[in-house]
Amino acid sequence: MESLIERLTLVERHVTRAMETAKSDSAASPVLLAVVLEFQRKARKAHTALSSGVDARAARDAVVEVEQAADSANVAAAADPAASEATRKAVEVAHKAMCLIKVEGA
């Protein structure tokens, strides 16, 4: 099984793709862009924290923050009536990648 840092790296790749897709979507709302950017920031912050060897509680807190940001991004993408299908799908993929960490027991 992959380590938590490896799984977060995959989430970061998906979030980066979602951010790039949303930025190139001229119809995506500024709110959606901001929420996806926050998801990206939280994922990077968690990765940095885990890489620095934080204790188990801090690691769990960092993962929870990313989960919450993923949920918010997914809701924002679904709620943005002007966002393209590609943008919604990219955000959904990033969200699902984060959900897998939770399901697999981070």
PDB file of N, CA and C in Angstrom:
ATOM      1  N   MET A   1       0.837  -1.176   0.000  1.00  0.00           N
ATOM      2  CA  MET A   1       0.000   0.000   0.000  1.00  0.00           C
ATOM      3  C   MET A   1       0.890   1.250   0.000  1.00  0.00           C
ATOM      4  N   GLU A   2       0.444   2.252  -0.707  1.00  0.00           N
ATOM      5  CA  GLU A   2       1.200   3.502  -0.778  1.00  0.00           C
ATOM      6  C   GLU A   2       1.156   4.225   0.556  1.00  0.00           C
ATOM      7  N   SER A   3       2.194   5.000   0.809  1.00  0.00           N
ATOM      8  CA  SER A   3       2.218   5.804   2.028  1.00  0.00           C
ATOM      9  C   SER A   3       1.246   6.976   1.893  1.00  0.00           C
ATOM     10  N   LEU A   4       0.945   7.585   3.002  1.00  0.00           N
ATOM     11  CA  LEU A   4       0.053   8.746   3.003  1.00  0.00           C
ATOM     12  C   LEU A   4       0.636   9.877   2.160  1.00  0.00           C
ATOM     13  N   ILE A   5       1.923  10.086   2.236  1.00  0.00           N
ATOM     14  CA  ILE A   5       2.559  11.146   1.436  1.00  0.00           C
ATOM     15  C   ILE A   5       2.427  10.828  -0.057  1.00  0.00           C
ATOM     16  N   GLU A   6       2.599   9.576  -0.432  1.00  0.00           N
ATOM     17  CA  GLU A   6       2.435   9.193  -1.838  1.00  0.00           C
ATOM     18  C   GLU A   6       1.003   9.420  -2.306  1.00  0.00           C
ATOM     19  N   ARG A   7       0.043   9.099  -1.452  1.00  0.00           N
ATOM     20  CA  ARG A   7      -1.356   9.308  -1.817  1.00  0.00           C
ATOM     21  C   ARG A   7      -1.689  10.791  -1.912  1.00  0.00           C
ATOM     22  N   LEU A   8      -1.126  11.586  -1.014  1.00  0.00           N
ATOM     23  CA  LEU A   8      -1.339  13.035  -1.093  1.00  0.00           C
ATOM     24  C   LEU A   8      -0.697  13.625  -2.343  1.00  0.00           C
ATOM     25  N   THR A   9       0.417  13.067  -2.758  1.00  0.00           N
ATOM     26  CA  THR A   9       1.066  13.516  -3.994  1.00  0.00           C
ATOM     27  C   THR A   9       0.131  13.307  -5.179  1.00  0.00           C
ATOM     28  N   LEU A  10      -0.540  12.177  -5.208  1.00  0.00           N
ATOM     29  CA  LEU A  10      -1.506  11.918  -6.271  1.00  0.00           C
ATOM     30  C   LEU A  10      -2.661  12.923  -6.205  1.00  0.00           C
ATOM     31  N   VAL A  11      -3.158  13.195  -5.014  1.00  0.00           N
ATOM     32  CA  VAL A  11      -4.224  14.190  -4.850  1.00  0.00           C
ATOM     33  C   VAL A  11      -3.747  15.539  -5.373  1.00  0.00           C
ATOM     34  N   GLU A  12      -2.530  15.916  -5.021  1.00  0.00           N
ATOM     35  CA  GLU A  12      -1.982  17.201  -5.487  1.00  0.00           C
ATOM     36  C   GLU A  12      -1.943  17.275  -7.008  1.00  0.00           C
ATOM     37  N   ARG A  13      -1.570  16.187  -7.650  1.00  0.00           N
ATOM     38  CA  ARG A  13      -1.555  16.180  -9.121  1.00  0.00           C
ATOM     39  C   ARG A  13      -2.952  16.396  -9.686  1.00  0.00           C
ATOM     40  N   HIS A  14      -3.934  15.719  -9.082  1.00  0.00           N
ATOM     41  CA  HIS A  14      -5.311  15.889  -9.550  1.00  0.00           C
ATOM     42  C   HIS A  14      -5.817  17.305  -9.274  1.00  0.00           C
ATOM     43  N   VAL A  15      -5.471  17.854  -8.126  1.00  0.00           N
ATOM     44  CA  VAL A  15      -5.907  19.213  -7.800  1.00  0.00           C
ATOM     45  C   VAL A  15      -5.248  20.218  -8.742  1.00  0.00           C
ATOM     46  N   THR A  16      -3.994  20.012  -9.059  1.00  0.00           N
ATOM     47  CA  THR A  16      -3.308  20.904 -10.004  1.00  0.00           C
ATOM     48  C   THR A  16      -3.993  20.858 -11.356  1.00  0.00           C
ATOM     49  N   ARG A  17      -4.351  19.663 -11.796  1.00  0.00           N
ATOM     50  CA  ARG A  17      -5.074  19.521 -13.059  1.00  0.00           C
ATOM     51  C   ARG A  17      -6.428  20.224 -12.992  1.00  0.00           C
ATOM     52  N   ALA A  18      -7.111  20.074 -11.870  1.00  0.00           N
ATOM     53  CA  ALA A  18      -8.412  20.736 -11.696  1.00  0.00           C
ATOM     54  C   ALA A  18      -8.252  22.249 -11.704  1.00  0.00           C
ATOM     55  N   MET A  19      -7.210  22.749 -11.056  1.00  0.00           N
ATOM     56  CA  MET A  19      -6.966  24.192 -11.033  1.00  0.00           C
ATOM     57  C   MET A  19      -6.671  24.706 -12.431  1.00  0.00           C
ATOM     58  N   GLU A  20      -5.837  23.996 -13.169  1.00  0.00           N
ATOM     59  CA  GLU A  20      -5.512  24.401 -14.543  1.00  0.00           C
ATOM     60  C   GLU A  20      -6.758  24.389 -15.425  1.00  0.00           C
ATOM     61  N   THR A  21      -7.592  23.374 -15.261  1.00  0.00           N
ATOM     62  CA  THR A  21      -8.821  23.280 -16.054  1.00  0.00           C
ATOM     63  C   THR A  21      -9.771  24.414 -15.704  1.00  0.00           C
ATOM     64  N   ALA A  22      -9.924  24.685 -14.420  1.00  0.00           N
ATOM     65  CA  ALA A  22     -10.820  25.761 -13.985  1.00  0.00           C
ATOM     66  C   ALA A  22     -10.319  27.131 -14.459  1.00  0.00           C
ATOM     67  N   LYS A  23      -9.000  27.338 -14.395  1.00  0.00           N
ATOM     68  CA  LYS A  23      -8.435  28.618 -14.854  1.00  0.00           C
ATOM     69  C   LYS A  23      -8.668  28.826 -16.347  1.00  0.00           C
ATOM     70  N   SER A  24      -8.614  27.754 -17.101  1.00  0.00           N
ATOM     71  CA  SER A  24      -8.797  27.883 -18.549  1.00  0.00           C
ATOM     72  C   SER A  24     -10.274  27.924 -18.944  1.00  0.00           C
ATOM     73  N   ASP A  25     -11.150  27.703 -17.993  1.00  0.00           N
ATOM     74  CA  ASP A  25     -12.595  27.724 -18.228  1.00  0.00           C
ATOM     75  C   ASP A  25     -13.089  29.160 -18.029  1.00  0.00           C
ATOM     76  N   SER A  26     -13.276  29.874 -19.109  1.00  0.00           N
ATOM     77  CA  SER A  26     -13.662  31.283 -19.016  1.00  0.00           C
ATOM     78  C   SER A  26     -15.026  31.480 -18.357  1.00  0.00           C
ATOM     79  N   ALA A  27     -15.826  30.441 -18.279  1.00  0.00           N
ATOM     80  CA  ALA A  27     -17.149  30.554 -17.670  1.00  0.00           C
ATOM     81  C   ALA A  27     -17.157  30.198 -16.181  1.00  0.00           C
ATOM     82  N   ALA A  28     -16.083  29.605 -15.683  1.00  0.00           N
ATOM     83  CA  ALA A  28     -16.032  29.234 -14.270  1.00  0.00           C
ATOM     84  C   ALA A  28     -16.064  30.490 -13.408  1.00  0.00           C
ATOM     85  N   SER A  29     -16.796  30.415 -12.331  1.00  0.00           N
ATOM     86  CA  SER A  29     -16.946  31.589 -11.468  1.00  0.00           C
ATOM     87  C   SER A  29     -15.678  31.839 -10.650  1.00  0.00           C
ATOM     88  N   PRO A  30     -15.468  33.087 -10.250  1.00  0.00           N
ATOM     89  CA  PRO A  30     -14.341  33.397  -9.368  1.00  0.00           C
ATOM     90  C   PRO A  30     -14.426  32.634  -8.045  1.00  0.00           C
ATOM     91  N   VAL A  31     -15.630  32.380  -7.590  1.00  0.00           N
ATOM     92  CA  VAL A  31     -15.800  31.620  -6.347  1.00  0.00           C
ATOM     93  C   VAL A  31     -15.276  30.200  -6.526  1.00  0.00           C
ATOM     94  N   LEU A  32     -15.617  29.565  -7.628  1.00  0.00           N
ATOM     95  CA  LEU A  32     -15.121  28.217  -7.895  1.00  0.00           C
ATOM     96  C   LEU A  32     -13.598  28.210  -7.955  1.00  0.00           C
ATOM     97  N   LEU A  33     -13.030  29.168  -8.641  1.00  0.00           N
ATOM     98  CA  LEU A  33     -11.568  29.244  -8.727  1.00  0.00           C
ATOM     99  C   LEU A  33     -10.946  29.387  -7.344  1.00  0.00           C
ATOM    100  N   ALA A  34     -11.532  30.225  -6.507  1.00  0.00           N
ATOM    101  CA  ALA A  34     -11.000  30.441  -5.160  1.00  0.00           C
ATOM    102  C   ALA A  34     -11.092  29.175  -4.311  1.00  0.00           C
ATOM    103  N   VAL A  35     -12.176  28.449  -4.436  1.00  0.00           N
ATOM    104  CA  VAL A  35     -12.361  27.234  -3.637  1.00  0.00           C
ATOM    105  C   VAL A  35     -11.395  26.139  -4.100  1.00  0.00           C
ATOM    106  N   VAL A  36     -11.202  26.010  -5.388  1.00  0.00           N
ATOM    107  CA  VAL A  36     -10.250  25.011  -5.892  1.00  0.00           C
ATOM    108  C   VAL A  36      -8.820  25.399  -5.502  1.00  0.00           C
ATOM    109  N   LEU A  37      -8.524  26.693  -5.539  1.00  0.00           N
ATOM    110  CA  LEU A  37      -7.198  27.158  -5.107  1.00  0.00           C
ATOM    111  C   LEU A  37      -6.970  26.825  -3.629  1.00  0.00           C
ATOM    112  N   GLU A  38      -7.994  26.982  -2.817  1.00  0.00           N
ATOM    113  CA  GLU A  38      -7.866  26.643  -1.392  1.00  0.00           C
ATOM    114  C   GLU A  38      -7.633  25.145  -1.214  1.00  0.00           C
ATOM    115  N   PHE A  39      -8.285  24.331  -1.992  1.00  0.00           N
ATOM    116  CA  PHE A  39      -8.062  22.881  -1.985  1.00  0.00           C
ATOM    117  C   PHE A  39      -6.597  22.602  -2.296  1.00  0.00           C
ATOM    118  N   GLN A  40      -6.078  23.272  -3.308  1.00  0.00           N
ATOM    119  CA  GLN A  40      -4.681  23.093  -3.699  1.00  0.00           C
ATOM    120  C   GLN A  40      -3.740  23.510  -2.569  1.00  0.00           C
ATOM    121  N   ARG A  41      -4.018  24.644  -1.952  1.00  0.00           N
ATOM    122  CA  ARG A  41      -3.179  25.132  -0.834  1.00  0.00           C
ATOM    123  C   ARG A  41      -3.183  24.156   0.334  1.00  0.00           C
ATOM    124  N   LYS A  42      -4.351  23.658   0.684  1.00  0.00           N
ATOM    125  CA  LYS A  42      -4.464  22.720   1.811  1.00  0.00           C
ATOM    126  C   LYS A  42      -3.719  21.420   1.518  1.00  0.00           C
ATOM    127  N   ALA A  43      -3.797  20.950   0.285  1.00  0.00           N
ATOM    128  CA  ALA A  43      -3.082  19.723  -0.077  1.00  0.00           C
ATOM    129  C   ALA A  43      -1.574  19.930   0.030  1.00  0.00           C
ATOM    130  N   ARG A  44      -1.097  21.057  -0.451  1.00  0.00           N
ATOM    131  CA  ARG A  44       0.348  21.352  -0.352  1.00  0.00           C
ATOM    132  C   ARG A  44       0.776  21.486   1.101  1.00  0.00           C
ATOM    133  N   LYS A  45      -0.044  22.173   1.893  1.00  0.00           N
ATOM    134  CA  LYS A  45       0.269  22.364   3.311  1.00  0.00           C
ATOM    135  C   LYS A  45       0.354  21.012   4.022  1.00  0.00           C
ATOM    136  N   ALA A  46      -0.594  20.130   3.744  1.00  0.00           N
ATOM    137  CA  ALA A  46      -0.591  18.805   4.369  1.00  0.00           C
ATOM    138  C   ALA A  46       0.632  18.007   3.951  1.00  0.00           C
ATOM    139  N   HIS A  47       0.957  18.057   2.675  1.00  0.00           N
ATOM    140  CA  HIS A  47       2.126  17.340   2.178  1.00  0.00           C
ATOM    141  C   HIS A  47       3.397  17.835   2.875  1.00  0.00           C
ATOM    142  N   THR A  48       3.528  19.149   2.973  1.00  0.00           N
ATOM    143  CA  THR A  48       4.697  19.738   3.641  1.00  0.00           C
ATOM    144  C   THR A  48       4.757  19.309   5.099  1.00  0.00           C
ATOM    145  N   ALA A  49       3.621  19.353   5.778  1.00  0.00           N
ATOM    146  CA  ALA A  49       3.576  18.965   7.189  1.00  0.00           C
ATOM    147  C   ALA A  49       3.963  17.500   7.364  1.00  0.00           C
ATOM    148  N   LEU A  50       3.404  16.643   6.526  1.00  0.00           N
ATOM    149  CA  LEU A  50       3.709  15.212   6.646  1.00  0.00           C
ATOM    150  C   LEU A  50       5.164  14.920   6.298  1.00  0.00           C
ATOM    151  N   SER A  51       5.695  15.653   5.350  1.00  0.00           N
ATOM    152  CA  SER A  51       7.094  15.459   4.959  1.00  0.00           C
ATOM    153  C   SER A  51       8.054  15.881   6.063  1.00  0.00           C
ATOM    154  N   SER A  52       7.600  16.790   6.917  1.00  0.00           N
ATOM    155  CA  SER A  52       8.476  17.269   7.987  1.00  0.00           C
ATOM    156  C   SER A  52       8.391  16.394   9.231  1.00  0.00           C
ATOM    157  N   GLY A  53       7.571  15.347   9.172  1.00  0.00           N
ATOM    158  CA  GLY A  53       7.520  14.388  10.272  1.00  0.00           C
ATOM    159  C   GLY A  53       6.675  14.819  11.454  1.00  0.00           C
ATOM    160  N   VAL A  54       5.531  15.413  11.214  1.00  0.00           N
ATOM    161  CA  VAL A  54       4.652  15.817  12.314  1.00  0.00           C
ATOM    162  C   VAL A  54       4.110  14.582  13.034  1.00  0.00           C
ATOM    163  N   ASP A  55       3.610  14.803  14.234  1.00  0.00           N
ATOM    164  CA  ASP A  55       3.049  13.678  14.988  1.00  0.00           C
ATOM    165  C   ASP A  55       1.723  13.223  14.373  1.00  0.00           C
ATOM    166  N   ALA A  56       1.214  12.115  14.856  1.00  0.00           N
ATOM    167  CA  ALA A  56       0.015  11.494  14.271  1.00  0.00           C
ATOM    168  C   ALA A  56      -1.197  12.419  14.329  1.00  0.00           C
ATOM    169  N   ARG A  57      -1.358  13.134  15.416  1.00  0.00           N
ATOM    170  CA  ARG A  57      -2.514  14.038  15.540  1.00  0.00           C
ATOM    171  C   ARG A  57      -2.434  15.177  14.522  1.00  0.00           C
ATOM    172  N   ALA A  58      -1.255  15.774  14.377  1.00  0.00           N
ATOM    173  CA  ALA A  58      -1.085  16.856  13.407  1.00  0.00           C
ATOM    174  C   ALA A  58      -1.283  16.345  11.983  1.00  0.00           C
ATOM    175  N   ALA A  59      -0.832  15.134  11.715  1.00  0.00           N
ATOM    176  CA  ALA A  59      -1.025  14.534  10.389  1.00  0.00           C
ATOM    177  C   ALA A  59      -2.510  14.333  10.114  1.00  0.00           C
ATOM    178  N   ARG A  60      -3.230  13.838  11.100  1.00  0.00           N
ATOM    179  CA  ARG A  60      -4.664  13.631  10.942  1.00  0.00           C
ATOM    180  C   ARG A  60      -5.375  14.958  10.714  1.00  0.00           C
ATOM    181  N   ASP A  61      -5.009  15.973  11.482  1.00  0.00           N
ATOM    182  CA  ASP A  61      -5.627  17.297  11.322  1.00  0.00           C
ATOM    183  C   ASP A  61      -5.379  17.860   9.921  1.00  0.00           C
ATOM    184  N   ALA A  62      -4.176  17.674   9.411  1.00  0.00           N
ATOM    185  CA  ALA A  62      -3.844  18.167   8.076  1.00  0.00           C
ATOM    186  C   ALA A  62      -4.683  17.462   7.014  1.00  0.00           C
ATOM    187  N   VAL A  63      -4.853  16.154   7.170  1.00  0.00           N
ATOM    188  CA  VAL A  63      -5.652  15.386   6.216  1.00  0.00           C
ATOM    189  C   VAL A  63      -7.123  15.804   6.291  1.00  0.00           C
ATOM    190  N   VAL A  64      -7.621  16.047   7.483  1.00  0.00           N
ATOM    191  CA  VAL A  64      -9.012  16.484   7.641  1.00  0.00           C
ATOM    192  C   VAL A  64      -9.226  17.820   6.933  1.00  0.00           C
ATOM    193  N   GLU A  65      -8.266  18.734   7.048  1.00  0.00           N
ATOM    194  CA  GLU A  65      -8.366  20.027   6.365  1.00  0.00           C
ATOM    195  C   GLU A  65      -8.455  19.838   4.843  1.00  0.00           C
ATOM    196  N   VAL A  66      -7.668  18.929   4.324  1.00  0.00           N
ATOM    197  CA  VAL A  66      -7.702  18.669   2.879  1.00  0.00           C
ATOM    198  C   VAL A  66      -9.045  18.046   2.498  1.00  0.00           C
ATOM    199  N   GLU A  67      -9.535  17.132   3.311  1.00  0.00           N
ATOM    200  CA  GLU A  67     -10.840  16.521   3.044  1.00  0.00           C
ATOM    201  C   GLU A  67     -11.940  17.579   2.977  1.00  0.00           C
ATOM    202  N   GLN A  68     -11.920  18.498   3.926  1.00  0.00           N
ATOM    203  CA  GLN A  68     -12.933  19.549   3.952  1.00  0.00           C
ATOM    204  C   GLN A  68     -12.819  20.454   2.732  1.00  0.00           C
ATOM    205  N   ALA A  69     -11.591  20.777   2.349  1.00  0.00           N
ATOM    206  CA  ALA A  69     -11.379  21.610   1.166  1.00  0.00           C
ATOM    207  C   ALA A  69     -11.827  20.874  -0.095  1.00  0.00           C
ATOM    208  N   ALA A  70     -11.597  19.573  -0.137  1.00  0.00           N
ATOM    209  CA  ALA A  70     -12.031  18.764  -1.289  1.00  0.00           C
ATOM    210  C   ALA A  70     -13.549  18.751  -1.385  1.00  0.00           C
ATOM    211  N   ASP A  71     -14.208  18.581  -0.254  1.00  0.00           N
ATOM    212  CA  ASP A  71     -15.674  18.593  -0.245  1.00  0.00           C
ATOM    213  C   ASP A  71     -16.206  19.944  -0.724  1.00  0.00           C
ATOM    214  N   SER A  72     -15.609  21.024  -0.231  1.00  0.00           N
ATOM    215  CA  SER A  72     -16.043  22.369  -0.633  1.00  0.00           C
ATOM    216  C   SER A  72     -15.848  22.593  -2.124  1.00  0.00           C
ATOM    217  N   ALA A  73     -14.718  22.155  -2.657  1.00  0.00           N
ATOM    218  CA  ALA A  73     -14.446  22.326  -4.083  1.00  0.00           C
ATOM    219  C   ALA A  73     -15.444  21.532  -4.922  1.00  0.00           C
ATOM    220  N   ASN A  74     -15.745  20.331  -4.487  1.00  0.00           N
ATOM    221  CA  ASN A  74     -16.684  19.500  -5.223  1.00  0.00           C
ATOM    222  C   ASN A  74     -18.080  20.126  -5.242  1.00  0.00           C
ATOM    223  N   VAL A  75     -18.512  20.649  -4.111  1.00  0.00           N
ATOM    224  CA  VAL A  75     -19.822  21.306  -4.030  1.00  0.00           C
ATOM    225  C   VAL A  75     -19.830  22.561  -4.896  1.00  0.00           C
ATOM    226  N   ALA A  76     -18.753  23.339  -4.825  1.00  0.00           N
ATOM    227  CA  ALA A  76     -18.679  24.572  -5.622  1.00  0.00           C
ATOM    228  C   ALA A  76     -18.714  24.273  -7.115  1.00  0.00           C
ATOM    229  N   ALA A  77     -18.020  23.227  -7.530  1.00  0.00           N
ATOM    230  CA  ALA A  77     -18.020  22.872  -8.956  1.00  0.00           C
ATOM    231  C   ALA A  77     -19.408  22.426  -9.403  1.00  0.00           C
ATOM    232  N   ALA A  78     -20.059  21.634  -8.582  1.00  0.00           N
ATOM    233  CA  ALA A  78     -21.398  21.161  -8.929  1.00  0.00           C
ATOM    234  C   ALA A  78     -22.409  22.308  -8.941  1.00  0.00           C
ATOM    235  N   ALA A  79     -22.182  23.312  -8.106  1.00  0.00           N
ATOM    236  CA  ALA A  79     -23.134  24.424  -7.981  1.00  0.00           C
ATOM    237  C   ALA A  79     -22.908  25.535  -8.996  1.00  0.00           C
ATOM    238  N   ASP A  80     -21.774  25.527  -9.666  1.00  0.00           N
ATOM    239  CA  ASP A  80     -21.475  26.594 -10.628  1.00  0.00           C
ATOM    240  C   ASP A  80     -22.145  26.252 -11.962  1.00  0.00           C
ATOM    241  N   PRO A  81     -23.242  26.943 -12.278  1.00  0.00           N
ATOM    242  CA  PRO A  81     -23.989  26.583 -13.484  1.00  0.00           C
ATOM    243  C   PRO A  81     -23.234  26.869 -14.782  1.00  0.00           C
ATOM    244  N   ALA A  82     -22.258  27.747 -14.721  1.00  0.00           N
ATOM    245  CA  ALA A  82     -21.539  28.113 -15.936  1.00  0.00           C
ATOM    246  C   ALA A  82     -20.267  27.300 -16.155  1.00  0.00           C
ATOM    247  N   ALA A  83     -19.810  26.611 -15.135  1.00  0.00           N
ATOM    248  CA  ALA A  83     -18.566  25.840 -15.268  1.00  0.00           C
ATOM    249  C   ALA A  83     -18.738  24.748 -16.312  1.00  0.00           C
ATOM    250  N   SER A  84     -17.693  24.499 -17.054  1.00  0.00           N
ATOM    251  CA  SER A  84     -17.745  23.467 -18.088  1.00  0.00           C
ATOM    252  C   SER A  84     -17.770  22.076 -17.463  1.00  0.00           C
ATOM    253  N   GLU A  85     -18.190  21.122 -18.246  1.00  0.00           N
ATOM    254  CA  GLU A  85     -18.200  19.733 -17.798  1.00  0.00           C
ATOM    255  C   GLU A  85     -16.781  19.274 -17.468  1.00  0.00           C
ATOM    256  N   ALA A  86     -15.804  19.736 -18.247  1.00  0.00           N
ATOM    257  CA  ALA A  86     -14.406  19.363 -17.991  1.00  0.00           C
ATOM    258  C   ALA A  86     -13.945  19.868 -16.627  1.00  0.00           C
ATOM    259  N   THR A  87     -14.346  21.074 -16.279  1.00  0.00           N
ATOM    260  CA  THR A  87     -13.979  21.635 -14.974  1.00  0.00           C
ATOM    261  C   THR A  87     -14.633  20.838 -13.861  1.00  0.00           C
ATOM    262  N   ARG A  88     -15.915  20.582 -13.995  1.00  0.00           N
ATOM    263  CA  ARG A  88     -16.626  19.809 -12.963  1.00  0.00           C
ATOM    264  C   ARG A  88     -16.003  18.422 -12.799  1.00  0.00           C
ATOM    265  N   LYS A  89     -15.678  17.796 -13.909  1.00  0.00           N
ATOM    266  CA  LYS A  89     -15.097  16.450 -13.866  1.00  0.00           C
ATOM    267  C   LYS A  89     -13.707  16.460 -13.222  1.00  0.00           C
ATOM    268  N   ALA A  90     -12.888  17.447 -13.561  1.00  0.00           N
ATOM    269  CA  ALA A  90     -11.536  17.526 -12.985  1.00  0.00           C
ATOM    270  C   ALA A  90     -11.597  17.716 -11.470  1.00  0.00           C
ATOM    271  N   VAL A  91     -12.510  18.547 -11.009  1.00  0.00           N
ATOM    272  CA  VAL A  91     -12.666  18.769  -9.567  1.00  0.00           C
ATOM    273  C   VAL A  91     -13.192  17.487  -8.909  1.00  0.00           C
ATOM    274  N   GLU A  92     -14.126  16.833  -9.558  1.00  0.00           N
ATOM    275  CA  GLU A  92     -14.673  15.591  -9.020  1.00  0.00           C
ATOM    276  C   GLU A  92     -13.589  14.516  -8.884  1.00  0.00           C
ATOM    277  N   VAL A  93     -12.724  14.408  -9.859  1.00  0.00           N
ATOM    278  CA  VAL A  93     -11.634  13.420  -9.812  1.00  0.00           C
ATOM    279  C   VAL A  93     -10.701  13.727  -8.634  1.00  0.00           C
ATOM    280  N   ALA A  94     -10.357  14.999  -8.451  1.00  0.00           N
ATOM    281  CA  ALA A  94      -9.495  15.383  -7.328  1.00  0.00           C
ATOM    282  C   ALA A  94     -10.187  15.084  -5.998  1.00  0.00           C
ATOM    283  N   HIS A  95     -11.467  15.374  -5.937  1.00  0.00           N
ATOM    284  CA  HIS A  95     -12.241  15.092  -4.722  1.00  0.00           C
ATOM    285  C   HIS A  95     -12.249  13.595  -4.426  1.00  0.00           C
ATOM    286  N   LYS A  96     -12.506  12.795  -5.437  1.00  0.00           N
ATOM    287  CA  LYS A  96     -12.540  11.337  -5.239  1.00  0.00           C
ATOM    288  C   LYS A  96     -11.185  10.791  -4.811  1.00  0.00           C
ATOM    289  N   ALA A  97     -10.121  11.362  -5.353  1.00  0.00           N
ATOM    290  CA  ALA A  97      -8.778  10.927  -4.940  1.00  0.00           C
ATOM    291  C   ALA A  97      -8.579  11.172  -3.447  1.00  0.00           C
ATOM    292  N   MET A  98      -9.090  12.306  -2.971  1.00  0.00           N
ATOM    293  CA  MET A  98      -8.979  12.604  -1.542  1.00  0.00           C
ATOM    294  C   MET A  98      -9.876  11.684  -0.736  1.00  0.00           C
ATOM    295  N   CYS A  99     -11.048  11.387  -1.249  1.00  0.00           N
ATOM    296  CA  CYS A  99     -11.969  10.472  -0.554  1.00  0.00           C
ATOM    297  C   CYS A  99     -11.345   9.090  -0.368  1.00  0.00           C
ATOM    298  N   LEU A 100     -10.563   8.654  -1.328  1.00  0.00           N
ATOM    299  CA  LEU A 100      -9.909   7.355  -1.219  1.00  0.00           C
ATOM    300  C   LEU A 100      -8.972   7.286  -0.027  1.00  0.00           C
ATOM    301  N   ILE A 101      -8.325   8.392   0.271  1.00  0.00           N
ATOM    302  CA  ILE A 101      -7.430   8.421   1.442  1.00  0.00           C
ATOM    303  C   ILE A 101      -8.248   8.152   2.696  1.00  0.00           C
ATOM    304  N   LYS A 102      -9.408   8.785   2.776  1.00  0.00           N
ATOM    305  CA  LYS A 102     -10.260   8.600   3.954  1.00  0.00           C
ATOM    306  C   LYS A 102     -10.756   7.155   4.036  1.00  0.00           C
ATOM    307  N   VAL A 103     -11.194   6.623   2.915  1.00  0.00           N
ATOM    308  CA  VAL A 103     -11.724   5.257   2.878  1.00  0.00           C
ATOM    309  C   VAL A 103     -10.650   4.238   3.226  1.00  0.00           C
ATOM    310  N   GLU A 104      -9.433   4.492   2.755  1.00  0.00           N
ATOM    311  CA  GLU A 104      -8.337   3.563   2.999  1.00  0.00           C
ATOM    312  C   GLU A 104      -7.757   3.702   4.404  1.00  0.00           C
ATOM    313  N   GLY A 105      -8.250   4.692   5.142  1.00  0.00           N
ATOM    314  CA  GLY A 105      -7.817   4.846   6.528  1.00  0.00           C
ATOM    315  C   GLY A 105      -6.491   5.534   6.692  1.00  0.00           C
ATOM    316  N   ALA A 106      -6.490   6.819   6.390  1.00  0.00           N
ATOM    317  CA  ALA A 106      -5.258   7.614   6.525  1.00  0.00           C
ATOM    318  C   ALA A 106      -4.789   7.664   7.944  1.00  0.00           C
TER     319      ALA A 106
END
